[in-house]
Amino acid sequence: MKDNLRLLVTFADNADPPVVGACLSANFPTTSASDGIAYSKFNSSVLYCSNAEQGDDEFSFDQLFWDMGHENFKKFFYMLERMKGRDLTSTREVIHSRRQLEQSLKDIEQEMEVCLTKIENIEIFQRKMKTCGHNMEATKNFTVEQTVMRRRKLNCEKGFFAYNCEKCQKTCERLVIKKSSLHKTKRLCEKKACKCPPSDHSVEEREWDLISEKVSMTLQDMKAQYESNRKGMMTAEKILNACTEDLHMARAKVLSLLEQVAENVRLLESTALRSNVLSPSDYLSLMRSRVQEEQAPGYMTRLETLDDIQRMLASGTSQPIRSTAAMPNQEFTLQSSNTERVSDSGITPYHGQAYHKEQTKQSTRSHDKESKPGFFKKKI
């Protein structure tokens, strides 16, 4: 297609338009290395000039610009006559493939957000159990604040629709411009991960998204959840072992999702629609930069989690690296649930479009208020 691209620019003098040099610097497609960018110059000022005749002794710049524009238009249409037609079928297929890959990438990012939040919740519970698990009867009513990710329907951007699966509670296609006949008549979902029939899908002005919410649970309730999942009574030691197993599985899942992200980005690059390929390590660094830039409540906890994943990625293991014991600046105050709660840093997930600021105010550790360091923000 690059041989069929032409740049139409305005001019104010006989020199080469500066915009051509700017396009070259921005890697605008050129027909060849020697010819550079193919462009045509026009000056639209003559469109607003008067047709009244001027005196013989008056020089008319308007007439000059008109003649120059007329000549340039002749050259432009001459180029169009010699231009070979191109079949856009493959281009449409590439654009369609890109849309599917970007949707898949968003789904992976949301799944990763759920995994990271799960890791942080498990670590908080594990630290509480190490602190007071030896005396569950006395501390069973102590509360722990955790983050849960819930699916909610949000309004689409104005003028757009979404193709939703009610069974999966997910959006299979976003930014649908209008309710086309294909969408009005139920059709198969293009999302590979969704195996639901067309009857489970509908076009709506709202789309599914993940929203983070804060919930408070007692240690007794959380212990009961583990016992329900394992179908049996559990001691504090067994619960700690179960936490370690869950952490191992969640971290392994994050590493697997990072590989999927890298594969999706590689496929986008293969279509020549993305100029940069991010490795899993680069992707983690980008996530870390975003969290550090936002500095939302609980961001230090998320940074620690991402650092753990980064070290596991570098060492090629999914085993836990950071000790889950209480760390410096992470003091826990055990208090009765009747009037107070166990204090801990809030966890607000942040990654891509799955991140939402938490809806309730909460206290943060003193080092959460450190000055924001500068960094280079890389675009995915």
Protein backbone atom coordinates (compact mmCIF):
# COMPACT_ATOMS: atom_id res chain seq x y z
CA MET A 1 0.00 0.00 0.00
CA LYS A 2 2.89 2.40 0.56
CA ASP A 3 3.30 2.89 -3.21
CA ASN A 4 -0.24 4.30 -3.31
CA LEU A 5 0.18 6.82 -0.51
CA ARG A 6 0.34 10.49 -1.48
CA LEU A 7 0.78 13.49 0.80
CA LEU A 8 -1.22 16.65 -0.01
CA VAL A 9 0.32 19.72 1.61
CA THR A 10 -0.15 23.47 1.53
CA PHE A 11 2.74 25.81 0.76
CA ALA A 12 3.68 29.41 1.38
CA ASP A 13 6.81 29.66 -0.78
CA ASN A 14 8.89 27.70 -3.26
CA ALA A 15 10.82 25.77 -0.61
CA ASP A 16 10.09 22.18 0.40
CA PRO A 17 7.20 22.15 2.90
CA PRO A 18 8.51 21.58 6.46
CA VAL A 19 5.75 19.03 7.04
CA VAL A 20 7.43 16.68 4.55
CA GLY A 21 10.59 16.62 6.64
CA ALA A 22 8.50 16.04 9.76
CA CYS A 23 6.76 13.09 8.11
CA LEU A 24 10.12 11.61 7.13
CA SER A 25 11.27 11.88 10.73
CA ALA A 26 8.07 10.11 11.81
CA ASN A 27 8.83 7.20 9.40
CA PHE A 28 6.00 8.04 7.01
CA PRO A 29 5.91 5.32 4.30
CA THR A 30 7.94 6.27 1.22
CA THR A 31 7.69 4.88 -2.29
CA SER A 32 11.47 4.34 -2.38
CA ALA A 33 14.57 5.38 -0.48
CA SER A 34 15.70 7.64 -3.31
CA ASP A 35 12.35 9.25 -4.17
CA GLY A 36 11.34 9.90 -0.56
CA ILE A 37 7.75 10.90 0.18
CA ALA A 38 5.51 11.49 -2.82
CA TYR A 39 3.60 14.72 -2.26
CA SER A 40 1.73 17.48 -4.08
CA LYS A 41 1.64 21.16 -3.07
CA PHE A 42 -1.44 23.35 -3.08
CA ASN A 43 -2.37 26.82 -1.88
CA SER A 44 -6.03 27.22 -1.04
CA SER A 45 -5.85 31.00 -0.51
CA VAL A 46 -6.87 31.64 -4.12
CA LEU A 47 -10.27 30.10 -3.45
CA TYR A 48 -11.20 33.22 -1.48
CA CYS A 49 -9.88 35.81 -3.94
CA SER A 50 -11.92 38.26 -5.97
CA ASN A 51 -12.49 37.69 -9.67
CA ALA A 52 -12.33 41.43 -10.35
CA GLU A 53 -9.71 42.29 -12.98
CA GLN A 54 -6.65 44.21 -11.83
CA GLY A 55 -4.83 46.93 -13.70
CA ASP A 56 -2.13 46.11 -16.23
CA ASP A 57 0.55 47.59 -13.97
CA GLU A 58 -0.46 45.49 -10.95
CA PHE A 59 1.21 42.12 -10.38
CA SER A 60 -1.29 39.46 -9.28
CA PHE A 61 -0.02 36.93 -6.76
CA ASP A 62 -3.48 35.40 -6.78
CA GLN A 63 -3.16 34.55 -10.46
CA LEU A 64 0.31 33.09 -9.82
CA PHE A 65 -0.96 30.88 -6.99
CA TRP A 66 -3.90 29.80 -9.13
CA ASP A 67 -1.62 28.78 -11.99
CA MET A 68 0.71 26.92 -9.61
CA GLY A 69 -2.22 25.10 -8.01
CA HIS A 70 -3.65 24.26 -11.42
CA GLU A 71 -0.32 22.77 -12.51
CA ASN A 72 0.06 20.78 -9.30
CA PHE A 73 -3.45 19.36 -9.65
CA LYS A 74 -2.60 18.21 -13.17
CA LYS A 75 0.48 16.43 -11.83
CA PHE A 76 -1.53 14.91 -8.99
CA PHE A 77 -4.22 13.46 -11.25
CA TYR A 78 -1.55 12.25 -13.64
CA MET A 79 -0.03 10.29 -10.73
CA LEU A 80 -3.46 8.87 -9.91
CA GLU A 81 -3.91 7.67 -13.50
CA ARG A 82 -0.63 5.73 -13.36
CA MET A 83 -1.31 4.33 -9.89
CA LYS A 84 -2.07 0.61 -9.78
CA GLY A 85 -5.18 -0.48 -7.91
CA ARG A 86 -4.76 -2.43 -4.69
CA ASP A 87 -6.95 -5.15 -3.23
CA LEU A 88 -7.93 -4.12 0.30
CA THR A 89 -9.16 -7.57 1.32
CA SER A 90 -5.92 -8.43 3.08
CA THR A 91 -5.88 -4.98 4.71
CA ARG A 92 -9.36 -5.53 6.11
CA GLU A 93 -8.28 -8.95 7.38
CA VAL A 94 -5.26 -7.43 9.12
CA ILE A 95 -7.38 -4.72 10.75
CA HIS A 96 -9.92 -7.32 11.85
CA SER A 97 -7.13 -9.50 13.24
CA ARG A 98 -5.70 -6.52 15.10
CA ARG A 99 -9.07 -5.76 16.68
CA GLN A 100 -9.34 -9.36 17.90
CA LEU A 101 -5.79 -9.35 19.27
CA GLU A 102 -6.32 -6.08 21.12
CA GLN A 103 -9.55 -7.40 22.64
CA SER A 104 -7.73 -10.57 23.68
CA LEU A 105 -4.94 -8.47 25.19
CA LYS A 106 -7.46 -6.52 27.26
CA ASP A 107 -8.99 -9.76 28.54
CA ILE A 108 -5.55 -11.05 29.54
CA GLU A 109 -4.80 -7.78 31.33
CA GLN A 110 -8.03 -8.03 33.30
CA GLU A 111 -7.30 -11.65 34.22
CA MET A 112 -3.83 -10.61 35.36
CA GLU A 113 -5.33 -7.87 37.51
CA VAL A 114 -7.50 -10.47 39.24
CA CYS A 115 -4.45 -12.68 39.87
CA LEU A 116 -2.35 -9.83 41.28
CA THR A 117 -5.18 -8.80 43.59
CA LYS A 118 -5.55 -12.40 44.72
CA ILE A 119 -1.83 -12.59 45.53
CA GLU A 120 -2.01 -9.46 47.65
CA ASN A 121 -5.13 -10.65 49.48
CA ILE A 122 -3.54 -14.00 50.29
CA GLU A 123 -0.39 -12.34 51.58
CA ILE A 124 -2.40 -10.04 53.85
CA PHE A 125 -4.36 -12.99 55.26
CA GLN A 126 -1.19 -15.04 55.64
CA ARG A 127 0.50 -12.30 57.64
CA LYS A 128 -2.54 -11.98 59.88
CA MET A 129 -2.59 -15.73 60.48
CA LYS A 130 1.09 -15.70 61.42
CA THR A 131 0.40 -12.87 63.84
CA CYS A 132 -2.69 -14.20 65.59
CA GLY A 133 -3.45 -17.65 64.17
CA HIS A 134 -2.09 -19.32 67.30
CA ASN A 135 -5.09 -17.96 69.22
CA MET A 136 -7.98 -18.05 66.77
CA GLU A 137 -10.66 -18.18 69.44
CA ALA A 138 -9.59 -14.82 70.87
CA THR A 139 -8.97 -13.16 67.51
CA LYS A 140 -11.68 -14.73 65.33
CA ASN A 141 -13.69 -11.49 65.19
CA PHE A 142 -10.77 -9.32 64.10
CA THR A 143 -11.42 -7.89 60.64
CA VAL A 144 -9.19 -7.82 57.58
CA GLU A 145 -9.82 -5.42 54.70
CA GLN A 146 -9.33 -6.94 51.28
CA THR A 147 -9.95 -6.04 47.66
CA VAL A 148 -12.39 -7.95 45.49
CA MET A 149 -12.84 -7.57 41.74
CA ARG A 150 -16.48 -7.51 40.66
CA ARG A 151 -17.91 -7.38 37.17
CA ARG A 152 -20.15 -4.41 36.49
CA LYS A 153 -21.75 -2.93 33.41
CA LEU A 154 -20.54 0.54 32.49
CA ASN A 155 -21.75 2.90 29.76
CA CYS A 156 -19.91 2.68 26.45
CA GLU A 157 -18.30 5.70 24.89
CA LYS A 158 -20.88 7.97 23.31
CA GLY A 159 -21.98 6.65 19.94
CA PHE A 160 -20.58 3.14 20.43
CA PHE A 161 -22.07 -0.20 21.37
CA ALA A 162 -20.74 -3.44 22.84
CA TYR A 163 -21.41 -7.07 21.91
CA ASN A 164 -21.88 -8.75 25.31
CA CYS A 165 -22.12 -12.33 26.47
CA GLU A 166 -24.52 -12.53 29.39
CA LYS A 167 -23.46 -16.06 30.31
CA CYS A 168 -19.75 -15.21 30.63
CA GLN A 169 -20.52 -11.69 31.87
CA LYS A 170 -17.88 -10.38 29.49
CA THR A 171 -17.76 -8.03 26.52
CA CYS A 172 -16.74 -9.93 23.40
CA GLU A 173 -16.53 -6.91 21.07
CA ARG A 174 -16.02 -3.27 22.02
CA LEU A 175 -16.43 -0.01 20.12
CA VAL A 176 -19.09 -1.35 17.77
CA ILE A 177 -19.97 1.75 15.74
CA LYS A 178 -23.60 0.95 15.07
CA LYS A 179 -26.12 -1.84 15.30
CA SER A 180 -25.41 -3.43 11.95
CA SER A 181 -27.57 -6.17 10.48
CA LEU A 182 -24.97 -8.74 11.55
CA HIS A 183 -25.40 -7.67 15.15
CA LYS A 184 -29.17 -7.34 15.00
CA THR A 185 -29.43 -10.91 13.76
CA LYS A 186 -27.64 -13.09 16.29
CA ARG A 187 -24.30 -14.39 15.03
CA LEU A 188 -21.37 -16.39 16.31
CA CYS A 189 -19.02 -14.57 18.64
CA GLU A 190 -15.61 -13.74 17.18
CA LYS A 191 -13.93 -14.08 20.55
CA LYS A 192 -12.10 -17.41 20.59
CA ALA A 193 -12.31 -17.77 24.37
CA CYS A 194 -16.11 -17.45 24.31
CA LYS A 195 -17.83 -20.68 23.27
CA CYS A 196 -21.36 -19.50 24.03
CA PRO A 197 -24.08 -19.61 21.33
CA PRO A 198 -25.40 -16.45 19.65
CA SER A 199 -28.53 -16.57 21.81
CA ASP A 200 -26.41 -15.64 24.84
CA HIS A 201 -25.14 -12.47 23.14
CA SER A 202 -26.69 -9.05 22.66
CA VAL A 203 -25.73 -5.57 21.47
CA GLU A 204 -25.95 -2.99 24.23
CA GLU A 205 -24.85 0.54 25.03
CA ARG A 206 -23.10 -0.82 28.13
CA GLU A 207 -20.03 -3.04 28.45
CA TRP A 208 -18.72 -5.36 31.14
CA ASP A 209 -15.72 -4.22 33.13
CA LEU A 210 -13.92 -5.05 36.38
CA ILE A 211 -14.42 -2.78 39.36
CA SER A 212 -12.36 -3.03 42.55
CA GLU A 213 -14.25 -2.89 45.82
CA LYS A 214 -13.11 -2.99 49.43
CA VAL A 215 -14.66 -5.58 51.74
CA SER A 216 -14.04 -6.33 55.40
CA MET A 217 -14.00 -9.95 56.56
CA THR A 218 -13.29 -11.49 59.93
CA LEU A 219 -10.49 -14.00 60.35
CA GLN A 220 -13.13 -16.57 61.24
CA ASP A 221 -14.96 -16.01 57.93
CA MET A 222 -11.74 -16.27 55.93
CA LYS A 223 -10.78 -19.44 57.80
CA ALA A 224 -14.23 -20.85 57.01
CA GLN A 225 -13.69 -20.12 53.31
CA TYR A 226 -10.48 -22.16 53.28
CA GLU A 227 -12.18 -25.00 55.13
CA SER A 228 -15.07 -24.93 52.67
CA ASN A 229 -12.72 -25.04 49.67
CA ARG A 230 -10.73 -27.92 51.23
CA LYS A 231 -13.84 -29.65 52.57
CA GLY A 232 -12.65 -30.12 56.12
CA MET A 233 -11.53 -28.52 59.35
CA MET A 234 -8.10 -26.86 59.19
CA THR A 235 -5.59 -25.82 61.80
CA ALA A 236 -3.68 -22.54 61.56
CA GLU A 237 -0.66 -24.45 60.24
CA LYS A 238 -2.71 -26.11 57.49
CA ILE A 239 -4.20 -22.75 56.52
CA LEU A 240 -0.72 -21.24 56.21
CA ASN A 241 0.35 -24.16 54.02
CA ALA A 242 -2.77 -23.68 51.88
CA CYS A 243 -1.93 -19.98 51.53
CA THR A 244 1.55 -20.90 50.31
CA GLU A 245 0.08 -23.29 47.73
CA ASP A 246 -2.40 -20.67 46.53
CA LEU A 247 0.38 -18.09 46.23
CA HIS A 248 2.45 -20.51 44.18
CA MET A 249 -0.47 -21.17 41.81
CA ALA A 250 -1.40 -17.48 41.48
CA ARG A 251 2.18 -16.45 40.72
CA ALA A 252 2.53 -19.23 38.16
CA LYS A 253 -0.70 -17.99 36.56
CA VAL A 254 0.70 -14.45 36.34
CA LEU A 255 3.85 -15.74 34.62
CA SER A 256 1.68 -17.67 32.16
CA LEU A 257 -0.41 -14.56 31.44
CA LEU A 258 2.76 -12.54 30.86
CA GLU A 259 3.79 -15.05 28.20
CA GLN A 260 0.37 -14.66 26.58
CA VAL A 261 0.80 -10.88 26.60
CA ALA A 262 4.20 -11.23 24.90
CA GLU A 263 2.70 -13.55 22.26
CA ASN A 264 -0.17 -11.15 21.55
CA VAL A 265 2.19 -8.21 21.20
CA ARG A 266 4.43 -10.27 18.90
CA LEU A 267 1.43 -11.07 16.68
CA LEU A 268 0.50 -7.38 16.57
CA GLU A 269 4.05 -6.59 15.51
CA SER A 270 3.87 -9.23 12.76
CA THR A 271 0.96 -7.30 11.21
CA ALA A 272 3.15 -4.17 11.11
CA LEU A 273 0.58 -2.36 13.22
CA ARG A 274 2.75 -2.07 16.31
CA SER A 275 6.18 -0.46 16.28
CA ASN A 276 7.51 -1.88 19.54
CA VAL A 277 7.57 -5.39 20.96
CA LEU A 278 7.45 -5.70 24.74
CA SER A 279 9.00 -8.67 26.48
CA PRO A 280 7.31 -9.94 29.68
CA SER A 281 10.00 -8.12 31.66
CA ASP A 282 9.36 -4.88 29.75
CA TYR A 283 5.64 -5.27 30.33
CA LEU A 284 6.15 -5.65 34.08
CA SER A 285 8.38 -2.58 34.11
CA LEU A 286 5.64 -0.63 32.34
CA MET A 287 3.07 -1.78 34.88
CA ARG A 288 5.39 -0.75 37.70
CA SER A 289 5.87 2.70 36.19
CA ARG A 290 2.12 3.22 35.95
CA VAL A 291 1.55 2.18 39.56
CA GLN A 292 4.38 4.42 40.74
CA GLU A 293 3.07 7.35 38.74
CA GLU A 294 -0.49 7.06 40.05
CA GLN A 295 0.51 6.37 43.68
CA ALA A 296 -3.01 5.25 44.55
CA PRO A 297 -3.67 4.02 48.10
CA GLY A 298 -1.84 0.73 48.61
CA TYR A 299 0.50 1.28 45.68
CA MET A 300 3.52 0.16 47.71
CA THR A 301 1.92 -3.27 48.14
CA ARG A 302 1.38 -3.54 44.39
CA LEU A 303 4.98 -2.47 43.72
CA GLU A 304 6.23 -5.21 46.06
CA THR A 305 4.08 -7.78 44.25
CA LEU A 306 5.36 -6.69 40.83
CA ASP A 307 8.95 -6.77 42.09
CA ASP A 308 8.36 -10.35 43.27
CA ILE A 309 7.04 -11.35 39.84
CA GLN A 310 9.97 -9.59 38.16
CA ARG A 311 12.47 -11.55 40.25
CA MET A 312 10.66 -14.82 39.58
CA LEU A 313 10.69 -14.03 35.86
CA ALA A 314 14.43 -13.35 35.96
CA SER A 315 15.19 -16.54 37.90
CA GLY A 316 12.83 -18.71 35.87
CA THR A 317 10.88 -19.96 38.89
CA SER A 318 7.37 -19.53 40.22
CA GLN A 319 8.35 -20.22 43.82
CA PRO A 320 7.62 -17.48 46.37
CA ILE A 321 10.61 -15.15 46.74
CA ARG A 322 9.65 -12.53 49.28
CA SER A 323 8.96 -13.57 52.83
CA THR A 324 5.33 -13.14 53.78
CA ALA A 325 6.22 -12.10 57.30
CA ALA A 326 5.32 -8.57 58.29
CA MET A 327 7.75 -6.15 56.68
CA PRO A 328 9.11 -2.84 57.91
CA ASN A 329 6.52 -0.07 57.83
CA GLN A 330 3.78 -2.71 57.81
CA GLU A 331 2.59 -2.73 61.39
CA PHE A 332 -0.64 -4.52 62.16
CA THR A 333 -2.87 -3.44 65.04
CA LEU A 334 -5.22 -6.19 66.14
CA GLN A 335 -8.44 -4.69 67.41
CA SER A 336 -11.96 -5.79 68.16
CA SER A 337 -14.36 -5.79 65.20
CA ASN A 338 -17.05 -4.22 67.36
CA THR A 339 -15.51 -0.78 67.12
CA GLU A 340 -12.34 -0.96 65.05
CA ARG A 341 -10.58 -3.08 62.46
CA VAL A 342 -7.18 -4.52 61.69
CA SER A 343 -5.22 -1.76 59.99
CA ASP A 344 -3.41 -2.47 56.77
CA SER A 345 -2.57 -0.73 53.57
CA GLY A 346 -5.41 -0.59 51.10
CA ILE A 347 -5.01 -2.46 47.85
CA THR A 348 -6.21 -0.71 44.77
CA PRO A 349 -5.60 -2.72 41.60
CA TYR A 350 -4.07 -0.84 38.71
CA HIS A 351 -3.33 -2.24 35.30
CA GLY A 352 -4.44 -0.97 31.88
CA GLN A 353 -8.18 -0.33 31.55
CA ALA A 354 -9.03 -2.77 34.38
CA TYR A 355 -7.89 -0.23 36.96
CA HIS A 356 -10.43 1.87 38.82
CA LYS A 357 -9.86 4.14 41.76
CA GLU A 358 -11.41 2.68 44.87
CA GLN A 359 -14.67 4.22 45.88
CA THR A 360 -13.97 4.54 49.59
CA LYS A 361 -11.35 6.58 51.41
CA GLN A 362 -8.83 4.69 53.49
CA SER A 363 -5.67 5.34 55.45
CA THR A 364 -2.28 4.61 53.92
CA ARG A 365 1.14 3.97 55.34
CA SER A 366 3.42 6.93 55.88
CA HIS A 367 5.77 5.96 53.08
CA ASP A 368 2.85 5.99 50.61
CA LYS A 369 3.25 9.77 50.67
CA GLU A 370 6.82 9.80 49.38
CA SER A 371 7.58 12.19 46.58
CA LYS A 372 6.83 10.89 43.12
CA PRO A 373 10.00 9.99 41.16
CA GLY A 374 10.23 10.91 37.53
CA PHE A 375 10.29 8.23 34.86
CA PHE A 376 9.78 7.71 31.17
CA LYS A 377 6.28 6.54 30.33
CA LYS A 378 6.26 4.01 27.53
CA LYS A 379 3.15 3.48 25.48
CA ILE A 380 1.88 0.00 24.81
